[in-house]
Every structure is written in structure tokens, then in C-alpha cells.
Amino acid sequence: MWWGVRRGLRKCAVCHHETSVTAGTIFHGSRLPLTSWFAAIWYVVNQKNGVSALGLQHVLEFGSYQTAWAWLHKLRRAMVLPGREVLQDAVEVDETYVGGVRPGTGGRGAAGKAIVVIAVEDRGEAAGRVRMRRVPDVSKATLTDFVLDNVARGSEVHTDGWQGYDDIGKYRFSHVVTNLSASGDPAHVVMPHVHLVASLLKRWLLGTHQGAVTHDQLDYYLDEFTFRFNRRRSRHRGLLFYRLIEGALAADPHPYTTLLARRQAA
């Protein structure tokens, strides 16, 4: 049984431990009321192309850019629920490279850029759901693990002829390989959905965030892009609001000091 105590906390009648209703969520320790958080979440889900920290600061009239920056990063960490459903049926998988223009080889192995592997459901003329992950390399172990984590067994997985995908067929997937050089067709024709998503991702990072996304923070921007892309056809903003609230309650607290440490290390 819980009894009310000072400062809006709750105390257990058995162990007498005091806690807050926001404990264990991204709202923990916030100096601003939950109504401000709700306003921020509503604003975030209503912006089709995403939100910058400066824009959030202006709309909610925060006194500092720091608060808006921290809130957005906390919300990005709430956009992907653990245990979400994996992709299924026909799925295209490929990698792309994210980052500014740097000297080095093109294609796989582009120096100084982040590697992002992408999986997209093939729904005929349209793309279905998407999954993304920043990876350290394009080895067999890395790419196979990504497919195992994000695609249902028995699905038809389409890839190019890169050797990093050679083991996929060993795990109850129907592996369809297209050798791009032999087919004579460009990659965006052979696997149109995954290449469209890669293009949209880069355009979004450059347009909404001016390309100012460090490698250490990129994972959370990928989560935001995934959240938005998978719900791009939703006509009910209230459901998106509810979904992000749900994620905020499930996500661990992320104090500003930990966010800042990641930011400075980037």
C-alpha cells in the first residue's frame, strides 16, 4: 500500500521507501512539470521532418538551449521500445555510409564515415517498416547478427553479392543474392526500397540537423528516423503521442551529465 508524503513522493507502507511516480523514466529529476514534457512530445510528433533543439527552445520558451537539447536526446532514447516486432516476408538489406566528404576509397570501406546497415520490408511498390543500426564493420559476423536480430526466420532476404552476407542462408532465411556487376542494373533498381531509405536518411540528417550529427550520437538519430518513417502514414497524431509517452515510461533515466559526456566525447 502507498501513502502520500511530502514533495509529491509516495511511501511504501511495508518498507517505507519513498519514490516518485516519474522514477525510472526519462522524466526523473525534471525541474519542469510533466505538462511541459507533454507539450514537447506533442510538438515532436507533429513535426513531419523532425525537430531541432533551437526550434524546441523557441516553441516552449525554454530559458536555455541546453534544456531543449537534453530533452530531445532523452525523447530519442524513448522512440524504440525493447522487444519490438521484427521485419518479415520480403526484406531488402544493404549498408550505407553517413558523414561528410572525406578523402578515402568510395563504397565499402569509405574512410572516416559511419557505417549504417539498413533493412526494409518490400511491400511491392511501397516500402514497409525499416530497421537501422550503426555497425563497426561489414563483416559476416556483424551483418549476419543484424539480420538475425531484425528479420523473422523464414523471410526472403535480398542482398547484393557482398561476401559479408554469405552466411544468411544458414539461418532459415531464403537468401536472394543479386550480383550488381553481373546484372547490369543499378543498385537502386535492383533493391529500390533500401536505397530510397538510405537517400531519405542522408537528406534528413542534412536538412533537419545540417549534418551536425556525431558518430557517438548517430544511433539515437537513427532511432528517430525509424520512428518517423515507420509511422509516416499515420493520420492520428494522438496515437503517436501515446506511443512516445509509452516509450518514455519504458526508457531508463538519462541525466544531463551523461548526455553531455557523450556529446563532448563525440
Protein backbone atom coordinates (compact mmCIF):
# COMPACT_ATOMS: atom_id res chain seq x y z
CA MET A 1 0.00 0.00 0.00
CA TRP A 2 1.23 3.53 -0.81
CA TRP A 3 0.68 6.66 1.23
CA GLY A 4 1.23 10.24 0.16
CA VAL A 5 4.19 12.08 1.69
CA ARG A 6 5.81 15.47 1.20
CA ARG A 7 7.09 16.78 -2.13
CA GLY A 8 4.67 14.64 -4.09
CA LEU A 9 6.53 11.43 -3.32
CA ARG A 10 4.98 8.10 -2.39
CA LYS A 11 5.99 5.88 0.52
CA CYS A 12 5.60 2.12 0.73
CA ALA A 13 3.64 1.12 3.84
CA VAL A 14 5.77 -2.02 4.16
CA CYS A 15 9.39 -0.95 3.55
CA HIS A 16 8.81 2.84 3.93
CA HIS A 17 10.82 3.54 0.78
CA GLU A 18 9.97 6.88 -0.82
CA THR A 19 9.80 7.27 -4.57
CA SER A 20 8.32 9.44 -7.29
CA VAL A 21 5.84 8.41 -9.98
CA THR A 22 8.45 9.54 -12.54
CA ALA A 23 11.24 7.40 -11.06
CA GLY A 24 12.84 5.09 -13.59
CA THR A 25 11.61 7.10 -16.58
CA ILE A 26 13.16 9.86 -18.71
CA PHE A 27 11.10 12.35 -16.66
CA HIS A 28 13.02 11.52 -13.49
CA GLY A 29 14.58 14.53 -11.80
CA SER A 30 12.99 17.05 -14.17
CA ARG A 31 12.65 20.55 -12.72
CA LEU A 32 9.84 21.40 -15.11
CA PRO A 33 6.31 19.98 -14.80
CA LEU A 34 5.07 17.00 -16.77
CA THR A 35 2.75 19.32 -18.69
CA SER A 36 5.86 20.86 -20.29
CA TRP A 37 7.07 17.40 -21.26
CA PHE A 38 3.68 16.59 -22.77
CA ALA A 39 3.81 19.80 -24.79
CA ALA A 40 7.30 18.90 -26.03
CA ILE A 41 6.21 15.39 -27.03
CA TRP A 42 3.15 16.74 -28.85
CA TYR A 43 5.34 19.20 -30.74
CA VAL A 44 7.87 16.48 -31.66
CA VAL A 45 5.29 14.05 -33.07
CA ASN A 46 3.56 16.80 -35.04
CA GLN A 47 6.67 17.85 -36.97
CA LYS A 48 6.91 15.68 -40.09
CA ASN A 49 10.60 16.31 -40.71
CA GLY A 50 11.81 16.30 -37.14
CA VAL A 51 12.72 18.95 -34.60
CA SER A 52 15.90 20.85 -33.83
CA ALA A 53 16.84 21.82 -30.29
CA LEU A 54 16.69 25.50 -31.29
CA GLY A 55 13.15 25.04 -32.62
CA LEU A 56 12.00 23.29 -29.45
CA GLN A 57 13.59 26.01 -27.30
CA HIS A 58 11.72 28.69 -29.24
CA VAL A 59 8.32 26.96 -29.19
CA LEU A 60 8.36 26.06 -25.50
CA GLU A 61 10.17 29.27 -24.50
CA PHE A 62 12.91 27.47 -22.60
CA GLY A 63 15.45 29.70 -20.95
CA SER A 64 18.37 27.71 -22.30
CA TYR A 65 19.32 25.78 -25.41
CA GLN A 66 20.83 23.16 -23.09
CA THR A 67 17.40 22.12 -21.78
CA ALA A 68 15.93 21.71 -25.27
CA TRP A 69 18.97 19.74 -26.45
CA ALA A 70 18.78 17.37 -23.45
CA TRP A 71 15.04 16.83 -23.77
CA LEU A 72 15.27 15.92 -27.44
CA HIS A 73 18.03 13.42 -26.77
CA LYS A 74 16.02 11.85 -23.95
CA LEU A 75 13.00 11.54 -26.24
CA ARG A 76 15.10 9.94 -28.99
CA ARG A 77 16.11 7.26 -26.50
CA ALA A 78 12.41 6.55 -25.93
CA MET A 79 11.47 6.12 -29.59
CA VAL A 80 12.37 2.43 -29.87
CA LEU A 81 10.68 0.00 -27.49
CA PRO A 82 12.56 -3.15 -26.48
CA GLY A 83 11.05 -6.33 -27.87
CA ARG A 84 9.54 -4.67 -30.96
CA GLU A 85 8.35 -6.92 -33.78
CA VAL A 86 10.93 -7.96 -36.35
CA LEU A 87 10.57 -7.45 -40.11
CA GLN A 88 9.08 -10.24 -42.18
CA ASP A 89 8.23 -11.56 -45.65
CA ALA A 90 10.48 -9.97 -48.32
CA VAL A 91 13.22 -7.74 -46.86
CA GLU A 92 15.97 -5.77 -48.60
CA VAL A 93 19.25 -5.33 -46.70
CA ASP A 94 22.20 -3.12 -47.56
CA GLU A 95 24.65 -0.70 -45.96
CA THR A 96 25.22 3.00 -46.45
CA TYR A 97 27.88 5.43 -45.26
CA VAL A 98 26.99 8.54 -43.30
CA GLY A 99 29.26 11.53 -42.87
CA GLY A 100 30.80 14.46 -44.63
CA VAL A 101 33.03 14.28 -47.68
CA ARG A 102 36.41 12.90 -46.64
CA PRO A 103 39.37 11.57 -48.60
CA GLY A 104 39.49 7.82 -48.99
CA THR A 105 38.09 5.00 -51.04
CA GLY A 106 34.48 5.04 -52.10
CA GLY A 107 31.89 2.35 -51.50
CA ARG A 108 32.52 -0.21 -48.75
CA GLY A 109 35.40 0.96 -46.60
CA ALA A 110 34.81 4.72 -47.03
CA ALA A 111 37.31 6.20 -44.59
CA GLY A 112 36.10 8.32 -41.68
CA LYS A 113 32.39 7.70 -42.21
CA ALA A 114 29.87 5.84 -40.07
CA ILE A 115 28.56 2.55 -41.45
CA VAL A 116 24.79 2.12 -41.18
CA VAL A 117 23.15 -1.17 -42.16
CA ILE A 118 19.51 -0.88 -43.22
CA ALA A 119 16.71 -3.43 -43.61
CA VAL A 120 13.43 -2.51 -45.33
CA GLU A 121 10.33 -4.60 -45.92
CA ASP A 122 9.45 -4.90 -49.61
CA ARG A 123 5.73 -4.20 -49.98
CA GLY A 124 5.74 -4.12 -53.76
CA GLU A 125 5.58 -0.53 -54.95
CA ALA A 126 5.95 0.80 -51.42
CA ALA A 127 8.44 0.25 -48.63
CA GLY A 128 7.24 -1.27 -45.38
CA ARG A 129 8.88 -0.95 -41.99
CA VAL A 130 12.56 -0.17 -41.58
CA ARG A 131 15.31 -1.12 -39.14
CA MET A 132 18.75 0.52 -38.89
CA ARG A 133 21.95 0.06 -36.93
CA ARG A 134 25.35 1.74 -36.86
CA VAL A 135 27.95 -1.03 -37.16
CA PRO A 136 31.74 -1.12 -36.81
CA ASP A 137 32.36 -3.12 -40.00
CA VAL A 138 30.71 -5.08 -42.82
CA SER A 139 32.00 -8.50 -41.81
CA LYS A 140 29.95 -11.71 -41.93
CA ALA A 141 29.53 -11.76 -38.16
CA THR A 142 28.28 -8.17 -37.99
CA LEU A 143 25.86 -8.30 -40.92
CA THR A 144 24.52 -11.75 -40.02
CA ASP A 145 23.84 -10.64 -36.44
CA PHE A 146 21.93 -7.62 -37.74
CA VAL A 147 19.69 -9.80 -39.92
CA LEU A 148 19.13 -12.31 -37.11
CA ASP A 149 18.11 -9.52 -34.72
CA ASN A 150 15.78 -7.70 -37.11
CA VAL A 151 14.27 -10.16 -39.60
CA ALA A 152 11.88 -13.06 -38.89
CA ARG A 153 13.11 -16.56 -39.76
CA GLY A 154 11.64 -17.83 -43.00
CA SER A 155 11.69 -14.39 -44.59
CA GLU A 156 13.12 -13.73 -48.03
CA VAL A 157 16.25 -11.60 -47.58
CA HIS A 158 17.51 -9.70 -50.63
CA THR A 159 21.14 -8.53 -50.67
CA ASP A 160 23.84 -7.77 -53.18
CA GLY A 161 26.77 -10.12 -53.71
CA TRP A 162 28.93 -8.80 -50.87
CA GLN A 163 30.59 -11.71 -49.04
CA GLY A 164 29.52 -10.32 -45.68
CA TYR A 165 26.04 -11.69 -46.38
CA ASP A 166 27.16 -15.20 -47.33
CA ASP A 167 26.06 -16.84 -44.05
CA ILE A 168 22.46 -15.57 -44.04
CA GLY A 169 21.13 -18.66 -45.81
CA LYS A 170 22.35 -20.85 -42.94
CA TYR A 171 19.70 -19.48 -40.58
CA ARG A 172 16.37 -20.44 -42.15
CA PHE A 173 16.22 -17.40 -44.42
CA SER A 174 15.60 -17.56 -48.14
CA HIS A 175 18.64 -15.60 -49.28
CA VAL A 176 18.22 -13.93 -52.68
CA VAL A 177 21.54 -12.58 -53.97
CA THR A 178 21.88 -10.18 -56.88
CA ASN A 179 25.33 -9.61 -58.29
CA LEU A 180 25.06 -5.98 -59.33
CA SER A 181 28.03 -6.00 -61.69
CA ALA A 182 26.70 -9.07 -63.49
CA SER A 183 23.07 -7.92 -63.62
CA GLY A 184 23.89 -4.65 -65.35
CA ASP A 185 21.16 -2.88 -63.35
CA PRO A 186 22.00 -0.06 -60.93
CA ALA A 187 21.59 -0.78 -57.21
CA HIS A 188 18.56 1.50 -56.82
CA VAL A 189 16.73 -0.59 -59.45
CA VAL A 190 17.61 -3.99 -58.01
CA MET A 191 16.80 -3.03 -54.40
CA PRO A 192 14.80 0.20 -54.68
CA HIS A 193 13.37 0.42 -51.17
CA VAL A 194 16.57 0.16 -49.15
CA HIS A 195 18.33 2.67 -51.40
CA LEU A 196 15.42 5.09 -51.16
CA VAL A 197 15.52 4.87 -47.36
CA ALA A 198 19.29 5.45 -47.34
CA SER A 199 18.80 8.55 -49.51
CA LEU A 200 15.99 9.87 -47.28
CA LEU A 201 18.09 9.30 -44.16
CA LYS A 202 21.01 11.35 -45.51
CA ARG A 203 18.68 14.09 -46.73
CA TRP A 204 17.00 14.23 -43.30
CA LEU A 205 20.32 14.44 -41.45
CA LEU A 206 21.49 17.25 -43.73
CA GLY A 207 18.18 19.11 -43.87
CA THR A 208 16.82 18.97 -40.32
CA HIS A 209 20.14 18.69 -38.50
CA GLN A 210 22.50 20.33 -41.01
CA GLY A 211 24.70 17.23 -40.92
CA ALA A 212 25.88 18.12 -37.40
CA VAL A 213 25.43 14.61 -36.02
CA THR A 214 28.45 12.95 -34.44
CA HIS A 215 29.10 9.23 -34.72
CA ASP A 216 28.54 8.73 -30.98
CA GLN A 217 25.07 10.27 -31.15
CA LEU A 218 24.11 8.83 -34.54
CA ASP A 219 22.38 5.76 -33.07
CA TYR A 220 19.71 7.93 -31.47
CA TYR A 221 19.09 9.90 -34.65
CA LEU A 222 18.65 6.57 -36.45
CA ASP A 223 16.03 5.66 -33.84
CA GLU A 224 14.20 8.93 -34.50
CA PHE A 225 14.28 8.43 -38.26
CA THR A 226 12.98 4.88 -37.83
CA PHE A 227 10.19 6.09 -35.53
CA ARG A 228 9.09 8.71 -38.04
CA PHE A 229 9.47 6.60 -41.17
CA ASN A 230 7.52 3.64 -39.80
CA ARG A 231 4.65 5.95 -38.85
CA ARG A 232 4.75 8.24 -41.86
CA ARG A 233 1.26 7.25 -42.98
CA SER A 234 -0.37 7.68 -39.59
CA ARG A 235 -3.18 10.22 -39.61
CA HIS A 236 -3.69 10.14 -35.86
CA ARG A 237 -1.21 12.34 -34.04
CA GLY A 238 -2.75 11.25 -30.76
CA LEU A 239 -1.59 7.67 -31.33
CA LEU A 240 1.98 8.86 -31.99
CA PHE A 241 1.79 10.95 -28.81
CA TYR A 242 0.64 7.90 -26.87
CA ARG A 243 3.38 5.75 -28.41
CA LEU A 244 6.12 8.18 -27.42
CA ILE A 245 4.69 8.53 -23.90
CA GLU A 246 4.78 4.74 -23.69
CA GLY A 247 8.42 4.73 -24.75
CA ALA A 248 9.28 7.49 -22.28
CA LEU A 249 7.92 5.41 -19.42
CA ALA A 250 9.85 2.33 -20.57
CA ALA A 251 13.19 4.10 -21.18
CA ASP A 252 15.80 4.44 -18.45
CA PRO A 253 16.57 7.86 -16.94
CA HIS A 254 19.29 9.78 -18.75
CA PRO A 255 20.68 12.60 -16.59
CA TYR A 256 22.02 15.58 -18.50
CA THR A 257 25.56 14.92 -17.28
CA THR A 258 25.62 11.55 -19.06
CA LEU A 259 24.23 13.07 -22.24
CA LEU A 260 26.83 15.82 -22.11
CA ALA A 261 29.65 13.35 -21.57
CA ARG A 262 28.65 11.50 -24.74
CA ARG A 263 28.36 14.81 -26.59
CA GLN A 264 31.83 16.00 -25.60
CA ALA A 265 33.41 12.63 -26.43
CA ALA A 266 31.95 12.71 -29.93
